[in-house]
Amino acid sequence: MKNYTILIAILILFSCSEKTTEKDPLIGSWKLIKSANIYKKKKTVEHPPSPCFSETRFIFKKDGTFHYKWIEKNKETGECYEKPKDFWTGSWKVKKGGNYVITNIFKYSKENIVVSIDSTNTYTFADNNNRLKIYNDFEKSGTSVLDEVVIADYVIYEKVD
């Protein structure tokens, strides 16, 4: 009888748990469209990506990991190349309220630098979840960038898969 009681309790527990059938809009491959810096005097300067950097991708996977496919121009040859695959990786998860916690791992030579970006970034989806804007508020987070002249920035991505 105890076994049946335990089995019934487990079935009730799993049947009452929240089931996620919807795909999170962050999952997929995102192409860089533009970025911008916002300065202390509230002036915004947008920056279109260079031809090489426009091939950069932010790839978020279902398993909660991501990879940043960073493409840049070789200054000597002028050719586009991809930084090593493990240069920028990390994990992501949804926070209560719909925002995200992104933990970045940057690999420089033999060192790993782990950065968790959390409460100050805002992720906004538009165009039927095919556009993503990531807004970084440096003042709110206490981060200083470019001699504290830049108070925030944003990056806009377009879903490509």
N, C-alpha and C. Protein backbone atom coordinates (compact mmCIF):
# COMPACT_ATOMS: atom_id res chain seq x y z
N MET A 1 0.82 -1.20 0.00
CA MET A 1 0.00 0.00 0.00
C MET A 1 0.87 1.26 0.00
N LYS A 2 1.99 1.21 0.76
CA LYS A 2 2.89 2.37 0.81
C LYS A 2 3.42 2.69 -0.58
N ASN A 3 3.77 1.65 -1.35
CA ASN A 3 4.31 1.87 -2.70
C ASN A 3 3.31 2.58 -3.59
N TYR A 4 2.03 2.19 -3.49
CA TYR A 4 0.99 2.85 -4.29
C TYR A 4 0.81 4.30 -3.88
N THR A 5 0.88 4.56 -2.58
CA THR A 5 0.73 5.93 -2.08
C THR A 5 1.86 6.80 -2.62
N ILE A 6 3.08 6.29 -2.57
CA ILE A 6 4.24 7.03 -3.07
C ILE A 6 4.11 7.26 -4.57
N LEU A 7 3.69 6.22 -5.32
CA LEU A 7 3.53 6.33 -6.75
C LEU A 7 2.46 7.39 -7.10
N ILE A 8 1.35 7.36 -6.40
CA ILE A 8 0.29 8.33 -6.64
C ILE A 8 0.77 9.74 -6.33
N ALA A 9 1.51 9.91 -5.24
CA ALA A 9 2.05 11.22 -4.87
C ALA A 9 2.99 11.74 -5.95
N ILE A 10 3.84 10.87 -6.50
CA ILE A 10 4.77 11.27 -7.55
C ILE A 10 4.01 11.67 -8.81
N LEU A 11 3.01 10.90 -9.19
CA LEU A 11 2.21 11.22 -10.37
C LEU A 11 1.49 12.56 -10.22
N ILE A 12 0.94 12.81 -9.04
CA ILE A 12 0.27 14.09 -8.79
C ILE A 12 1.26 15.23 -8.88
N LEU A 13 2.44 15.04 -8.28
CA LEU A 13 3.48 16.07 -8.30
C LEU A 13 3.85 16.44 -9.73
N PHE A 14 4.09 15.43 -10.58
CA PHE A 14 4.49 15.72 -11.96
C PHE A 14 3.35 16.24 -12.81
N SER A 15 2.13 15.79 -12.55
CA SER A 15 1.02 16.28 -13.35
C SER A 15 0.65 17.71 -13.00
N CYS A 16 0.99 18.15 -11.79
CA CYS A 16 0.69 19.52 -11.38
C CYS A 16 1.82 20.48 -11.68
N SER A 17 2.99 19.96 -12.03
CA SER A 17 4.11 20.85 -12.29
C SER A 17 3.88 21.60 -13.60
N GLU A 18 4.50 22.77 -13.69
CA GLU A 18 4.34 23.62 -14.86
C GLU A 18 5.05 22.99 -16.04
N LYS A 19 4.34 22.89 -17.15
CA LYS A 19 4.94 22.32 -18.36
C LYS A 19 5.21 23.44 -19.35
N THR A 20 6.39 23.45 -19.88
CA THR A 20 6.73 24.48 -20.85
C THR A 20 6.70 23.85 -22.23
N THR A 21 5.76 24.26 -23.03
CA THR A 21 5.68 23.74 -24.39
C THR A 21 6.13 24.80 -25.39
N GLU A 22 6.09 26.05 -24.95
CA GLU A 22 6.50 27.14 -25.83
C GLU A 22 8.01 27.24 -25.89
N LYS A 23 8.52 27.50 -27.06
CA LYS A 23 9.96 27.71 -27.23
C LYS A 23 10.30 29.12 -26.78
N ASP A 24 11.33 29.26 -25.97
CA ASP A 24 11.74 30.58 -25.52
C ASP A 24 12.19 31.39 -26.73
N PRO A 25 11.76 32.65 -26.84
CA PRO A 25 12.12 33.44 -28.03
C PRO A 25 13.62 33.71 -28.16
N LEU A 26 14.38 33.54 -27.09
CA LEU A 26 15.82 33.78 -27.15
C LEU A 26 16.55 32.68 -27.91
N ILE A 27 16.00 31.48 -27.93
CA ILE A 27 16.65 30.33 -28.57
C ILE A 27 16.76 30.56 -30.07
N GLY A 28 17.97 30.40 -30.58
CA GLY A 28 18.20 30.55 -32.02
C GLY A 28 19.48 31.30 -32.29
N SER A 29 19.68 31.61 -33.55
CA SER A 29 20.88 32.31 -34.00
C SER A 29 20.49 33.75 -34.34
N TRP A 30 21.25 34.71 -33.79
CA TRP A 30 20.94 36.13 -33.93
C TRP A 30 22.08 36.84 -34.64
N LYS A 31 21.72 37.59 -35.70
CA LYS A 31 22.69 38.36 -36.49
C LYS A 31 22.72 39.80 -35.99
N LEU A 32 23.92 40.32 -35.82
CA LEU A 32 24.10 41.70 -35.39
C LEU A 32 23.63 42.66 -36.48
N ILE A 33 22.73 43.59 -36.11
CA ILE A 33 22.21 44.58 -37.05
C ILE A 33 22.87 45.94 -36.79
N LYS A 34 22.87 46.37 -35.54
CA LYS A 34 23.53 47.63 -35.19
C LYS A 34 23.72 47.70 -33.69
N SER A 35 24.60 48.61 -33.31
CA SER A 35 24.83 48.88 -31.89
C SER A 35 24.87 50.40 -31.72
N ALA A 36 24.76 50.83 -30.48
CA ALA A 36 24.78 52.27 -30.22
C ALA A 36 25.32 52.54 -28.83
N ASN A 37 25.98 53.67 -28.69
CA ASN A 37 26.40 54.18 -27.39
C ASN A 37 25.51 55.35 -27.02
N ILE A 38 25.17 55.43 -25.74
CA ILE A 38 24.37 56.55 -25.24
C ILE A 38 25.27 57.32 -24.27
N TYR A 39 25.47 58.60 -24.56
CA TYR A 39 26.41 59.41 -23.80
C TYR A 39 25.70 60.19 -22.69
N LYS A 40 26.51 60.74 -21.77
CA LYS A 40 25.98 61.45 -20.61
C LYS A 40 24.95 62.52 -20.96
N LYS A 41 25.16 63.22 -22.03
CA LYS A 41 24.22 64.28 -22.41
C LYS A 41 23.05 63.72 -23.21
N LYS A 42 22.82 62.40 -23.07
CA LYS A 42 21.72 61.67 -23.70
C LYS A 42 21.82 61.60 -25.22
N LYS A 43 22.97 61.91 -25.76
CA LYS A 43 23.19 61.78 -27.20
C LYS A 43 23.42 60.30 -27.52
N THR A 44 22.73 59.81 -28.55
CA THR A 44 22.88 58.42 -28.98
C THR A 44 23.59 58.39 -30.32
N VAL A 45 24.63 57.57 -30.41
CA VAL A 45 25.37 57.40 -31.66
C VAL A 45 25.28 55.94 -32.06
N GLU A 46 24.61 55.68 -33.20
CA GLU A 46 24.47 54.31 -33.69
C GLU A 46 25.67 53.93 -34.55
N HIS A 47 26.00 52.64 -34.50
CA HIS A 47 27.14 52.11 -35.24
C HIS A 47 26.69 50.89 -36.05
N PRO A 48 26.64 51.01 -37.38
CA PRO A 48 26.36 49.80 -38.17
C PRO A 48 27.60 48.90 -38.10
N PRO A 49 27.42 47.59 -38.15
CA PRO A 49 28.59 46.71 -38.10
C PRO A 49 29.40 46.77 -39.39
N SER A 50 30.68 46.54 -39.27
CA SER A 50 31.54 46.45 -40.46
C SER A 50 31.14 45.19 -41.23
N PRO A 51 31.55 45.08 -42.52
CA PRO A 51 31.18 43.88 -43.30
C PRO A 51 31.55 42.57 -42.61
N CYS A 52 32.72 42.48 -42.03
CA CYS A 52 33.11 41.24 -41.34
C CYS A 52 32.28 41.04 -40.08
N PHE A 53 32.17 42.08 -39.27
CA PHE A 53 31.47 41.96 -37.99
C PHE A 53 29.98 41.71 -38.17
N SER A 54 29.43 42.06 -39.34
CA SER A 54 28.02 41.79 -39.59
C SER A 54 27.72 40.30 -39.69
N GLU A 55 28.75 39.49 -39.85
CA GLU A 55 28.58 38.03 -39.87
C GLU A 55 28.63 37.42 -38.48
N THR A 56 28.84 38.24 -37.46
CA THR A 56 28.85 37.79 -36.07
C THR A 56 27.48 37.25 -35.70
N ARG A 57 27.45 36.20 -34.88
CA ARG A 57 26.18 35.59 -34.46
C ARG A 57 26.20 35.33 -32.95
N PHE A 58 25.06 35.56 -32.31
CA PHE A 58 24.81 35.17 -30.93
C PHE A 58 23.92 33.94 -31.04
N ILE A 59 24.38 32.78 -30.60
CA ILE A 59 23.64 31.53 -30.77
C ILE A 59 23.24 30.99 -29.40
N PHE A 60 21.93 31.05 -29.12
CA PHE A 60 21.39 30.56 -27.85
C PHE A 60 20.76 29.19 -28.07
N LYS A 61 21.15 28.22 -27.25
CA LYS A 61 20.65 26.85 -27.40
C LYS A 61 19.62 26.50 -26.33
N LYS A 62 18.80 25.48 -26.64
CA LYS A 62 17.75 25.02 -25.72
C LYS A 62 18.30 24.58 -24.37
N ASP A 63 19.52 24.07 -24.37
CA ASP A 63 20.08 23.53 -23.12
C ASP A 63 20.58 24.61 -22.16
N GLY A 64 20.35 25.89 -22.50
CA GLY A 64 20.75 26.98 -21.61
C GLY A 64 22.19 27.45 -21.81
N THR A 65 22.81 27.06 -22.92
CA THR A 65 24.16 27.52 -23.22
C THR A 65 24.10 28.45 -24.42
N PHE A 66 25.17 29.20 -24.62
CA PHE A 66 25.26 30.03 -25.82
C PHE A 66 26.70 30.08 -26.30
N HIS A 67 26.85 30.49 -27.53
CA HIS A 67 28.16 30.68 -28.16
C HIS A 67 28.09 31.98 -28.95
N TYR A 68 29.09 32.80 -28.82
CA TYR A 68 29.16 34.03 -29.60
C TYR A 68 30.14 33.79 -30.73
N LYS A 69 29.63 33.73 -31.94
CA LYS A 69 30.47 33.52 -33.13
C LYS A 69 30.97 34.89 -33.56
N TRP A 70 32.19 35.22 -33.16
CA TRP A 70 32.76 36.54 -33.35
C TRP A 70 33.59 36.56 -34.62
N ILE A 71 33.16 37.34 -35.61
CA ILE A 71 33.88 37.46 -36.90
C ILE A 71 34.48 38.86 -36.97
N GLU A 72 35.76 38.93 -37.25
CA GLU A 72 36.39 40.24 -37.41
C GLU A 72 37.39 40.21 -38.55
N LYS A 73 37.88 41.38 -38.88
CA LYS A 73 38.80 41.54 -40.02
C LYS A 73 40.24 41.40 -39.54
N ASN A 74 41.01 40.60 -40.28
CA ASN A 74 42.43 40.49 -40.03
C ASN A 74 43.09 41.75 -40.56
N LYS A 75 43.76 42.49 -39.69
CA LYS A 75 44.34 43.78 -40.07
C LYS A 75 45.45 43.65 -41.11
N GLU A 76 46.12 42.49 -41.13
CA GLU A 76 47.21 42.30 -42.09
C GLU A 76 46.72 41.87 -43.47
N THR A 77 45.76 40.92 -43.49
CA THR A 77 45.31 40.37 -44.77
C THR A 77 44.02 41.00 -45.29
N GLY A 78 43.25 41.60 -44.39
CA GLY A 78 41.97 42.17 -44.77
C GLY A 78 40.85 41.14 -44.86
N GLU A 79 41.19 39.87 -44.61
CA GLU A 79 40.20 38.79 -44.67
C GLU A 79 39.41 38.70 -43.37
N CYS A 80 38.17 38.26 -43.48
CA CYS A 80 37.35 38.01 -42.29
C CYS A 80 37.75 36.65 -41.69
N TYR A 81 37.75 36.58 -40.37
CA TYR A 81 38.04 35.30 -39.71
C TYR A 81 37.23 35.22 -38.42
N GLU A 82 37.02 33.97 -37.97
CA GLU A 82 36.28 33.74 -36.74
C GLU A 82 37.26 33.53 -35.59
N LYS A 83 37.00 34.23 -34.49
CA LYS A 83 37.80 33.99 -33.28
C LYS A 83 37.58 32.55 -32.86
N PRO A 84 38.49 31.97 -32.07
CA PRO A 84 38.31 30.57 -31.64
C PRO A 84 36.92 30.37 -31.01
N LYS A 85 36.32 29.20 -31.25
CA LYS A 85 34.95 28.93 -30.82
C LYS A 85 34.76 29.09 -29.31
N ASP A 86 35.80 28.85 -28.54
CA ASP A 86 35.63 28.97 -27.09
C ASP A 86 35.99 30.36 -26.56
N PHE A 87 36.20 31.33 -27.46
CA PHE A 87 36.55 32.69 -27.04
C PHE A 87 35.46 33.29 -26.16
N TRP A 88 34.19 33.16 -26.56
CA TRP A 88 33.09 33.72 -25.79
C TRP A 88 31.94 32.71 -25.77
N THR A 89 31.74 32.10 -24.63
CA THR A 89 30.66 31.14 -24.44
C THR A 89 29.98 31.47 -23.12
N GLY A 90 29.02 30.67 -22.74
CA GLY A 90 28.39 30.89 -21.45
C GLY A 90 27.06 30.19 -21.34
N SER A 91 26.27 30.66 -20.37
CA SER A 91 24.96 30.07 -20.14
C SER A 91 23.93 31.17 -19.95
N TRP A 92 22.68 30.79 -20.09
CA TRP A 92 21.58 31.74 -19.94
C TRP A 92 20.40 31.05 -19.26
N LYS A 93 19.60 31.83 -18.58
CA LYS A 93 18.35 31.31 -18.03
C LYS A 93 17.37 32.47 -17.87
N VAL A 94 16.11 32.12 -17.84
CA VAL A 94 15.05 33.11 -17.71
C VAL A 94 14.87 33.42 -16.23
N LYS A 95 14.82 34.72 -15.92
CA LYS A 95 14.54 35.17 -14.57
C LYS A 95 13.04 35.36 -14.41
N LYS A 96 12.62 35.40 -13.17
CA LYS A 96 11.22 35.72 -12.90
C LYS A 96 10.96 37.11 -13.46
N GLY A 97 9.85 37.30 -14.11
CA GLY A 97 9.55 38.60 -14.72
C GLY A 97 9.94 38.66 -16.19
N GLY A 98 10.55 37.58 -16.72
CA GLY A 98 10.82 37.51 -18.15
C GLY A 98 12.18 37.99 -18.61
N ASN A 99 13.00 38.59 -17.72
CA ASN A 99 14.32 39.01 -18.15
C ASN A 99 15.26 37.79 -18.09
N TYR A 100 16.51 37.98 -18.43
CA TYR A 100 17.46 36.87 -18.51
C TYR A 100 18.69 37.13 -17.65
N VAL A 101 19.27 36.04 -17.17
CA VAL A 101 20.58 36.08 -16.53
C VAL A 101 21.53 35.43 -17.53
N ILE A 102 22.54 36.18 -17.94
CA ILE A 102 23.53 35.69 -18.89
C ILE A 102 24.87 35.61 -18.16
N THR A 103 25.48 34.44 -18.17
CA THR A 103 26.80 34.27 -17.59
C THR A 103 27.77 34.06 -18.74
N ASN A 104 28.68 35.01 -18.89
CA ASN A 104 29.64 34.98 -19.99
C ASN A 104 30.96 34.40 -19.52
N ILE A 105 31.59 33.61 -20.39
CA ILE A 105 32.95 33.14 -20.14
C ILE A 105 33.79 33.59 -21.33
N PHE A 106 34.73 34.48 -21.06
CA PHE A 106 35.64 34.97 -22.09
C PHE A 106 36.97 34.25 -21.91
N LYS A 107 37.52 33.69 -22.97
CA LYS A 107 38.77 32.96 -22.87
C LYS A 107 39.88 33.75 -23.56
N TYR A 108 40.81 34.22 -22.77
CA TYR A 108 41.97 34.94 -23.29
C TYR A 108 43.20 34.11 -22.97
N SER A 109 43.88 33.64 -24.00
CA SER A 109 45.07 32.79 -23.84
C SER A 109 44.76 31.65 -22.89
N LYS A 110 45.36 31.67 -21.71
CA LYS A 110 45.18 30.57 -20.76
C LYS A 110 44.24 30.92 -19.62
N GLU A 111 43.68 32.11 -19.65
CA GLU A 111 42.80 32.55 -18.56
C GLU A 111 41.35 32.58 -19.01
N ASN A 112 40.46 32.28 -18.07
CA ASN A 112 39.02 32.45 -18.32
C ASN A 112 38.54 33.58 -17.45
N ILE A 113 37.77 34.46 -18.01
CA ILE A 113 37.16 35.55 -17.25
C ILE A 113 35.66 35.29 -17.27
N VAL A 114 35.06 35.11 -16.10
CA VAL A 114 33.63 34.82 -16.00
C VAL A 114 32.92 36.08 -15.57
N VAL A 115 31.91 36.47 -16.35
CA VAL A 115 31.13 37.67 -16.06
C VAL A 115 29.66 37.28 -16.08
N SER A 116 28.97 37.56 -14.99
CA SER A 116 27.53 37.30 -14.95
C SER A 116 26.81 38.62 -15.14
N ILE A 117 26.03 38.72 -16.21
CA ILE A 117 25.29 39.94 -16.50
C ILE A 117 23.84 39.67 -16.16
N ASP A 118 23.28 40.49 -15.27
CA ASP A 118 22.00 40.13 -14.71
C ASP A 118 21.01 41.28 -14.75
N SER A 119 20.90 41.99 -13.67
CA SER A 119 19.77 42.87 -13.43
C SER A 119 19.74 44.15 -14.26
N THR A 120 20.87 44.60 -14.77
CA THR A 120 20.85 45.89 -15.46
C THR A 120 20.60 45.77 -16.96
N ASN A 121 20.71 44.59 -17.52
CA ASN A 121 20.43 44.42 -18.95
C ASN A 121 18.95 44.17 -19.16
N THR A 122 18.43 44.75 -20.23
CA THR A 122 17.04 44.54 -20.59
C THR A 122 16.99 43.91 -21.97
N TYR A 123 16.23 42.84 -22.09
CA TYR A 123 16.08 42.11 -23.35
C TYR A 123 14.67 42.38 -23.87
N THR A 124 14.57 42.99 -25.05
CA THR A 124 13.27 43.34 -25.61
C THR A 124 13.14 42.69 -26.98
N PHE A 125 12.05 41.97 -27.17
CA PHE A 125 11.78 41.33 -28.45
C PHE A 125 10.78 42.17 -29.23
N ALA A 126 10.94 42.21 -30.55
CA ALA A 126 10.02 42.95 -31.43
C ALA A 126 9.85 42.16 -32.72
N ASP A 127 8.99 42.66 -33.58
CA ASP A 127 8.78 42.08 -34.91
C ASP A 127 8.53 40.56 -34.82
N ASN A 128 7.52 40.20 -34.03
CA ASN A 128 7.14 38.79 -33.88
C ASN A 128 8.28 37.93 -33.35
N ASN A 129 9.02 38.46 -32.39
CA ASN A 129 10.19 37.80 -31.77
C ASN A 129 11.34 37.57 -32.74
N ASN A 130 11.40 38.32 -33.83
CA ASN A 130 12.50 38.18 -34.79
C ASN A 130 13.56 39.26 -34.64
N ARG A 131 13.34 40.20 -33.73
CA ARG A 131 14.34 41.24 -33.41
C ARG A 131 14.56 41.23 -31.91
N LEU A 132 15.81 41.39 -31.53
CA LEU A 132 16.19 41.39 -30.13
C LEU A 132 17.04 42.62 -29.85
N LYS A 133 16.65 43.38 -28.84
CA LYS A 133 17.44 44.54 -28.42
C LYS A 133 17.93 44.26 -27.00
N ILE A 134 19.24 44.32 -26.83
CA ILE A 134 19.84 44.15 -25.50
C ILE A 134 20.36 45.52 -25.07
N TYR A 135 19.78 46.03 -24.00
CA TYR A 135 20.11 47.36 -23.49
C TYR A 135 20.93 47.21 -22.21
N ASN A 136 22.11 47.82 -22.17
CA ASN A 136 23.01 47.76 -21.02
C ASN A 136 23.06 49.14 -20.36
N ASP A 137 22.63 49.24 -19.13
CA ASP A 137 22.64 50.50 -18.39
C ASP A 137 23.85 50.51 -17.47
N PHE A 138 24.92 51.17 -17.91
CA PHE A 138 26.16 51.19 -17.14
C PHE A 138 26.04 52.00 -15.85
N GLU A 139 25.26 53.07 -15.88
CA GLU A 139 25.07 53.87 -14.67
C GLU A 139 24.38 53.04 -13.59
N LYS A 140 23.35 52.34 -13.98
CA LYS A 140 22.59 51.52 -13.03
C LYS A 140 23.46 50.41 -12.43
N SER A 141 24.33 49.83 -13.24
CA SER A 141 25.15 48.72 -12.77
C SER A 141 26.42 49.17 -12.05
N GLY A 142 26.73 50.46 -12.17
CA GLY A 142 27.96 50.96 -11.53
C GLY A 142 29.21 50.68 -12.35
N THR A 143 29.04 50.32 -13.61
CA THR A 143 30.17 50.03 -14.49
C THR A 143 30.58 51.31 -15.20
N SER A 144 31.88 51.56 -15.26
CA SER A 144 32.32 52.74 -16.01
C SER A 144 32.91 52.27 -17.34
N VAL A 145 32.52 52.97 -18.39
CA VAL A 145 32.96 52.64 -19.74
C VAL A 145 33.44 53.91 -20.42
N LEU A 146 34.57 53.82 -21.10
CA LEU A 146 35.12 54.96 -21.84
C LEU A 146 35.16 56.23 -21.00
N ASP A 147 35.86 56.15 -19.89
CA ASP A 147 36.03 57.30 -18.99
C ASP A 147 34.70 57.87 -18.50
N GLU A 148 33.73 57.01 -18.32
CA GLU A 148 32.41 57.38 -17.78
C GLU A 148 31.63 58.35 -18.66
N VAL A 149 32.00 58.45 -19.93
CA VAL A 149 31.27 59.29 -20.86
C VAL A 149 30.06 58.53 -21.40
N VAL A 150 30.22 57.23 -21.64
CA VAL A 150 29.13 56.38 -22.12
C VAL A 150 28.36 55.88 -20.91
N ILE A 151 27.05 56.17 -20.88
CA ILE A 151 26.25 55.76 -19.72
C ILE A 151 25.44 54.49 -20.00
N ALA A 152 25.28 54.15 -21.28
CA ALA A 152 24.53 52.95 -21.65
C ALA A 152 24.86 52.61 -23.10
N ASP A 153 24.47 51.41 -23.49
CA ASP A 153 24.55 51.05 -24.90
C ASP A 153 23.48 50.02 -25.20
N TYR A 154 23.25 49.81 -26.48
CA TYR A 154 22.34 48.73 -26.87
C TYR A 154 22.84 48.11 -28.15
N VAL A 155 22.42 46.85 -28.34
CA VAL A 155 22.76 46.09 -29.54
C VAL A 155 21.46 45.51 -30.07
N ILE A 156 21.27 45.59 -31.37
CA ILE A 156 20.07 45.02 -31.98
C ILE A 156 20.49 43.85 -32.88
N TYR A 157 19.78 42.73 -32.68
CA TYR A 157 20.03 41.52 -33.45
C TYR A 157 18.76 41.12 -34.20
N GLU A 158 18.95 40.40 -35.30
CA GLU A 158 17.83 39.85 -36.06
C GLU A 158 17.98 38.33 -36.09
N LYS A 159 16.89 37.63 -35.85
CA LYS A 159 16.93 36.17 -35.85
C LYS A 159 17.15 35.67 -37.27
N VAL A 160 18.08 34.72 -37.42
CA VAL A 160 18.41 34.22 -38.76
C VAL A 160 18.12 32.75 -38.95
N ASP A 161 17.59 32.07 -37.96
CA ASP A 161 17.24 30.65 -38.18
C ASP A 161 15.78 30.40 -37.99
